[in-house]
Every structure is written in structure tokens, then in C-alpha cells.
Amino acid sequence: MILCDTNILIEFYKNNPQIVQELRHIGPSQLAVSPITQAELYFGALNKAELKKIRQHLSLLSQLPLDVSISAVFLQLMETYSLSHKLSLPDALIAATALVHNLELYTLNAKDFRFISNLQLYQPVSY
């Protein structure tokens, strides 16, 4: 299973051909999202119809809830990287989710994550 960063799903909704192809290659049953990604997508919805479409698409993916383990890793990441690398709260929550579930993270912003120890970034096959 692969955890999707918010920017991957935004590009999917923009019909970016490389992202659409890669997500189809992976398959929805092998894709997961964190609550922060869901919240960011909901926040970015322009209207009720778009929000409904986002909810429908997200229902096809595994949704990984925040729990005590993710909270602990999140706090550890913030303590370790907030000053040195300006790690943002959403990115720390997404990274913590990937680390706790031992998932690769699919992102277009590798620079925002590559410094995090033991975090595996997904390397696309199709582009």
C-alpha cells in the first residue's frame, strides 16, 4: 500500500496525465490517505458538487485514522525537524502516518520529506 500526499490527489483531480496513469497503475485498493489529506482536499473544494466528488473518490481509498502511535511519531518529528527543516504540521502528520504504517509516501514535494529518517518515498514506475 502507498500513502498519497495531498498534492498527488490535487494533480489527479487536475487530470495530470502522469499522475492519473501512475495511480491507475498502482490501483485504488493499494492507495491510502491520512485525515490531514482528506481535510486539505475538503478545504480546497470550490463548491458542494466538488466536495461530493472528492468524498466519493476518497471512499475508494484506504483511510488511515490518526491514533496514539501516529500522534507520538508526529510530535517526535516536529521536535526533531521543525526548527532545522521547517517541517510543516500537515507534512509531519502525513509522514508520521507513513512511518507508523510502514508505507511509502507518494509526493511531488520530495524535498519536504527526504530528510526524515526511515521515511520511504515512492518512486513512480510510469514516468
Protein backbone atom coordinates (compact mmCIF):
# COMPACT_ATOMS: atom_id res chain seq x y z
CA MET A 1 0.00 0.00 0.00
CA ILE A 2 1.14 3.55 -0.77
CA LEU A 3 0.20 6.72 1.13
CA CYS A 4 -0.71 9.67 -1.11
CA ASP A 5 0.33 13.19 -0.25
CA THR A 6 -2.29 15.85 -0.87
CA ASN A 7 -0.50 17.22 -3.95
CA ILE A 8 -0.79 13.86 -5.71
CA LEU A 9 -4.57 13.85 -5.38
CA ILE A 10 -4.80 17.51 -6.40
CA GLU A 11 -2.90 16.67 -9.58
CA PHE A 12 -5.19 13.68 -10.12
CA TYR A 13 -8.22 16.00 -9.92
CA LYS A 14 -6.49 18.31 -12.44
CA ASN A 15 -6.17 15.29 -14.77
CA ASN A 16 -2.36 15.40 -14.80
CA PRO A 17 -1.73 12.51 -17.22
CA GLN A 18 1.38 11.22 -15.43
CA ILE A 19 -0.34 11.15 -12.05
CA VAL A 20 -3.54 9.63 -13.44
CA GLN A 21 -1.51 6.91 -15.17
CA GLU A 22 0.55 6.16 -12.06
CA LEU A 23 -2.46 5.97 -9.75
CA ARG A 24 -4.20 3.66 -12.21
CA HIS A 25 -1.04 1.53 -12.33
CA ILE A 26 -1.00 1.28 -8.52
CA GLY A 27 -4.76 0.75 -8.26
CA PRO A 28 -7.19 2.26 -5.73
CA SER A 29 -7.06 -0.80 -3.46
CA GLN A 30 -3.34 -0.10 -2.88
CA LEU A 31 -3.71 3.63 -2.14
CA ALA A 32 -4.21 5.22 1.26
CA VAL A 33 -4.76 8.72 2.63
CA SER A 34 -4.42 10.33 6.03
CA PRO A 35 -7.09 12.52 7.63
CA ILE A 36 -4.96 15.62 7.01
CA THR A 37 -5.00 14.93 3.26
CA GLN A 38 -8.76 14.46 3.39
CA ALA A 39 -9.15 17.73 5.31
CA GLU A 40 -6.89 19.65 2.91
CA LEU A 41 -8.89 18.39 -0.07
CA TYR A 42 -12.20 19.29 1.59
CA PHE A 43 -10.83 22.75 2.40
CA GLY A 44 -9.85 23.25 -1.24
CA ALA A 45 -13.24 22.26 -2.65
CA LEU A 46 -14.82 25.12 -4.57
CA ASN A 47 -18.44 24.09 -4.12
CA LYS A 48 -20.74 21.34 -2.82
CA ALA A 49 -20.57 19.36 -6.06
CA GLU A 50 -16.77 19.28 -5.95
CA LEU A 51 -16.83 18.32 -2.27
CA LYS A 52 -19.19 15.44 -3.08
CA LYS A 53 -16.88 14.27 -5.89
CA ILE A 54 -13.87 14.36 -3.54
CA ARG A 55 -15.74 12.38 -0.88
CA GLN A 56 -16.75 9.77 -3.46
CA HIS A 57 -13.18 9.38 -4.73
CA LEU A 58 -11.71 9.18 -1.24
CA SER A 59 -14.18 6.45 -0.30
CA LEU A 60 -12.36 4.19 -2.80
CA LEU A 61 -9.05 4.57 -0.93
CA SER A 62 -7.94 3.21 2.42
CA GLN A 63 -8.38 5.88 5.06
CA LEU A 64 -5.85 5.64 7.88
CA PRO A 65 -7.14 7.29 11.08
CA LEU A 66 -4.94 9.21 13.47
CA ASP A 67 -4.11 7.20 16.57
CA VAL A 68 -1.81 7.33 19.59
CA SER A 69 1.15 5.91 17.67
CA ILE A 70 0.82 8.44 14.86
CA SER A 71 0.46 11.24 17.41
CA ALA A 72 3.65 10.17 19.18
CA VAL A 73 5.66 9.97 15.94
CA PHE A 74 4.16 13.29 14.79
CA LEU A 75 5.38 15.02 17.96
CA GLN A 76 8.80 13.41 17.61
CA LEU A 77 9.06 14.63 14.01
CA MET A 78 8.06 18.17 14.99
CA GLU A 79 10.61 18.21 17.80
CA THR A 80 13.34 16.88 15.53
CA TYR A 81 12.69 18.77 12.29
CA SER A 82 10.54 21.87 12.87
CA LEU A 83 13.50 24.17 13.55
CA SER A 84 16.14 22.59 11.36
CA HIS A 85 13.99 21.89 8.29
CA LYS A 86 10.80 23.92 8.85
CA LEU A 87 8.69 20.76 8.71
CA SER A 88 5.05 21.83 8.49
CA LEU A 89 2.29 20.40 10.67
CA PRO A 90 0.42 18.75 7.77
CA ASP A 91 3.61 17.24 6.34
CA ALA A 92 4.61 15.92 9.76
CA LEU A 93 1.21 14.24 10.21
CA ILE A 94 1.39 12.68 6.75
CA ALA A 95 4.97 11.49 7.34
CA ALA A 96 4.05 10.09 10.76
CA THR A 97 1.18 8.15 9.19
CA ALA A 98 3.52 6.66 6.58
CA LEU A 99 6.14 5.76 9.20
CA VAL A 100 3.71 4.11 11.62
CA HIS A 101 2.08 2.05 8.87
CA ASN A 102 5.44 1.36 7.16
CA LEU A 103 4.17 2.77 3.85
CA GLU A 104 5.93 4.53 1.02
CA LEU A 105 4.83 8.14 0.59
CA TYR A 106 3.90 9.31 -2.91
CA THR A 107 4.53 13.05 -3.15
CA LEU A 108 5.55 15.66 -5.68
CA ASN A 109 7.43 17.53 -2.95
CA ALA A 110 10.20 15.10 -2.04
CA LYS A 111 12.30 17.99 -0.70
CA ASP A 112 9.74 18.47 2.08
CA PHE A 113 10.25 14.89 3.30
CA ARG A 114 13.62 13.45 2.19
CA PHE A 115 15.40 14.47 5.40
CA ILE A 116 13.08 12.36 7.59
CA SER A 117 14.86 9.25 8.82
CA ASN A 118 13.34 5.92 7.74
CA LEU A 119 10.65 7.54 5.58
CA GLN A 120 10.43 5.81 2.21
CA LEU A 121 9.37 7.91 -0.76
CA TYR A 122 7.55 6.20 -3.61
CA GLN A 123 9.33 6.27 -6.97
CA PRO A 124 6.80 6.28 -9.82
CA VAL A 125 7.08 3.49 -12.36
CA SER A 126 5.24 5.09 -15.25
CA TYR A 127 7.19 8.34 -15.69
